[in-house]
Amino acid sequence: MAIQKKNAFSRRLPDLVTEELVAVLSQKKAFEFKQLFEIVHENLRQRNAASGGEEMLRLRAYEKLQNLVARGAVKKNGKSYKGDSAALAAMAAANAAQAAAAPAASRS
């Protein structure tokens, strides 16, 4: 009988793009994607987390934004996006709890 080894990490790094999107969309303001991306990109650059090139980051941000729309956390009206405060707050709290639990799990 062969023993299977688990070599891969199961813990994922925090999703900084989604975190920044949630932070920006938590404001009670509607954004077009271009304006939203410029703010998110600048925030990620300040955190030294904007790697992989601007176009790749733009694609990732758009994909994450569409996931937020599909979950109902963001409302899309034409070309503008506006966050649902309650859903985004719940999502931010869940992400914070997951991020806090991840370092504790890696120590054991």
Protein backbone atom coordinates (compact mmCIF):
# COMPACT_ATOMS: atom_id res chain seq x y z
CA MET A 1 0.00 0.00 0.00
CA ALA A 2 1.50 3.34 -1.04
CA ILE A 3 1.53 6.30 1.30
CA GLN A 4 0.51 9.54 -0.36
CA LYS A 5 2.37 12.68 0.61
CA LYS A 6 0.88 16.11 0.51
CA ASN A 7 3.57 18.40 -0.90
CA ALA A 8 1.49 21.39 -1.91
CA PHE A 9 0.56 24.29 0.31
CA SER A 10 -3.14 24.55 0.96
CA ARG A 11 -2.92 28.10 2.34
CA ARG A 12 -3.36 30.85 -0.19
CA LEU A 13 -1.94 34.32 0.11
CA PRO A 14 -4.41 37.12 0.77
CA ASP A 15 -6.06 38.39 -2.38
CA LEU A 16 -4.82 41.98 -2.38
CA VAL A 17 -6.66 42.96 -5.57
CA THR A 18 -10.05 41.97 -4.15
CA GLU A 19 -9.14 43.57 -0.83
CA GLU A 20 -8.41 46.90 -2.56
CA LEU A 21 -11.54 46.65 -4.73
CA VAL A 22 -13.66 46.09 -1.62
CA ALA A 23 -11.98 49.01 0.16
CA VAL A 24 -12.56 51.43 -2.73
CA LEU A 25 -16.10 50.25 -3.51
CA SER A 26 -17.08 50.54 0.17
CA GLN A 27 -17.27 54.29 -0.40
CA LYS A 28 -20.76 55.46 -1.28
CA LYS A 29 -19.76 56.43 -4.79
CA ALA A 30 -20.14 54.92 -8.25
CA PHE A 31 -17.02 54.32 -10.34
CA GLU A 32 -16.39 53.51 -13.97
CA PHE A 33 -13.86 50.72 -14.37
CA LYS A 34 -11.06 52.95 -15.65
CA GLN A 35 -11.34 55.30 -12.66
CA LEU A 36 -11.72 52.38 -10.25
CA PHE A 37 -8.65 50.62 -11.66
CA GLU A 38 -6.52 53.77 -11.40
CA ILE A 39 -7.35 54.06 -7.69
CA VAL A 40 -6.79 50.35 -7.02
CA HIS A 41 -3.52 50.35 -9.00
CA GLU A 42 -2.20 53.37 -7.10
CA ASN A 43 -3.13 51.77 -3.75
CA LEU A 44 -1.39 48.54 -4.72
CA ARG A 45 1.71 50.44 -5.86
CA GLN A 46 1.85 52.20 -2.50
CA ARG A 47 1.71 48.78 -0.79
CA ASN A 48 4.38 47.51 -3.21
CA ALA A 49 1.96 44.81 -4.34
CA ALA A 50 1.42 45.76 -8.00
CA SER A 51 3.54 43.15 -9.73
CA GLY A 52 3.16 41.38 -13.05
CA GLY A 53 2.56 44.43 -15.23
CA GLU A 54 -0.27 46.90 -15.47
CA GLU A 55 -2.24 45.10 -18.19
CA MET A 56 -2.17 41.79 -16.34
CA LEU A 57 -3.26 43.56 -13.17
CA ARG A 58 -6.07 45.26 -15.11
CA LEU A 59 -7.33 41.88 -16.31
CA ARG A 60 -7.17 40.41 -12.80
CA ALA A 61 -8.97 43.43 -11.34
CA TYR A 62 -11.72 43.20 -13.98
CA GLU A 63 -12.16 39.48 -13.30
CA LYS A 64 -12.35 40.07 -9.54
CA LEU A 65 -14.83 42.92 -10.08
CA GLN A 66 -17.07 40.68 -12.19
CA ASN A 67 -16.93 38.04 -9.42
CA LEU A 68 -18.08 40.69 -6.92
CA VAL A 69 -20.94 41.62 -9.27
CA ALA A 70 -21.92 37.95 -9.61
CA ARG A 71 -21.95 37.56 -5.80
CA GLY A 72 -24.21 40.59 -5.46
CA ALA A 73 -21.69 42.67 -3.50
CA VAL A 74 -21.41 45.23 -6.31
CA LYS A 75 -24.17 46.67 -8.49
CA LYS A 76 -23.42 47.35 -12.15
CA ASN A 77 -25.41 50.07 -13.86
CA GLY A 78 -24.30 50.51 -17.45
CA LYS A 79 -20.57 51.12 -17.18
CA SER A 80 -20.53 52.22 -13.55
CA TYR A 81 -20.04 50.06 -10.48
CA LYS A 82 -21.30 50.80 -6.98
CA GLY A 83 -20.64 48.70 -3.90
CA ASP A 84 -23.36 47.33 -1.63
CA SER A 85 -22.10 48.50 1.77
CA ALA A 86 -23.56 45.64 3.83
CA ALA A 87 -22.32 42.88 1.51
CA LEU A 88 -18.87 44.45 1.17
CA ALA A 89 -18.56 44.90 4.95
CA ALA A 90 -19.45 41.24 5.49
CA MET A 91 -16.95 40.19 2.83
CA ALA A 92 -14.20 42.37 4.34
CA ALA A 93 -14.86 40.90 7.79
CA ALA A 94 -14.72 37.35 6.43
CA ASN A 95 -11.45 38.09 4.61
CA ALA A 96 -9.95 39.63 7.76
CA ALA A 97 -10.93 36.57 9.81
CA GLN A 98 -9.45 34.26 7.19
CA ALA A 99 -6.23 36.28 7.05
CA ALA A 100 -5.96 36.21 10.85
CA ALA A 101 -6.51 32.45 10.93
CA ALA A 102 -3.97 31.71 8.18
CA PRO A 103 -0.80 32.65 10.16
CA ALA A 104 -2.04 30.69 13.17
CA ALA A 105 -2.61 27.60 11.02
CA SER A 106 0.86 27.85 9.47
CA ARG A 107 2.51 27.80 12.93
CA SER A 108 1.02 24.43 13.87
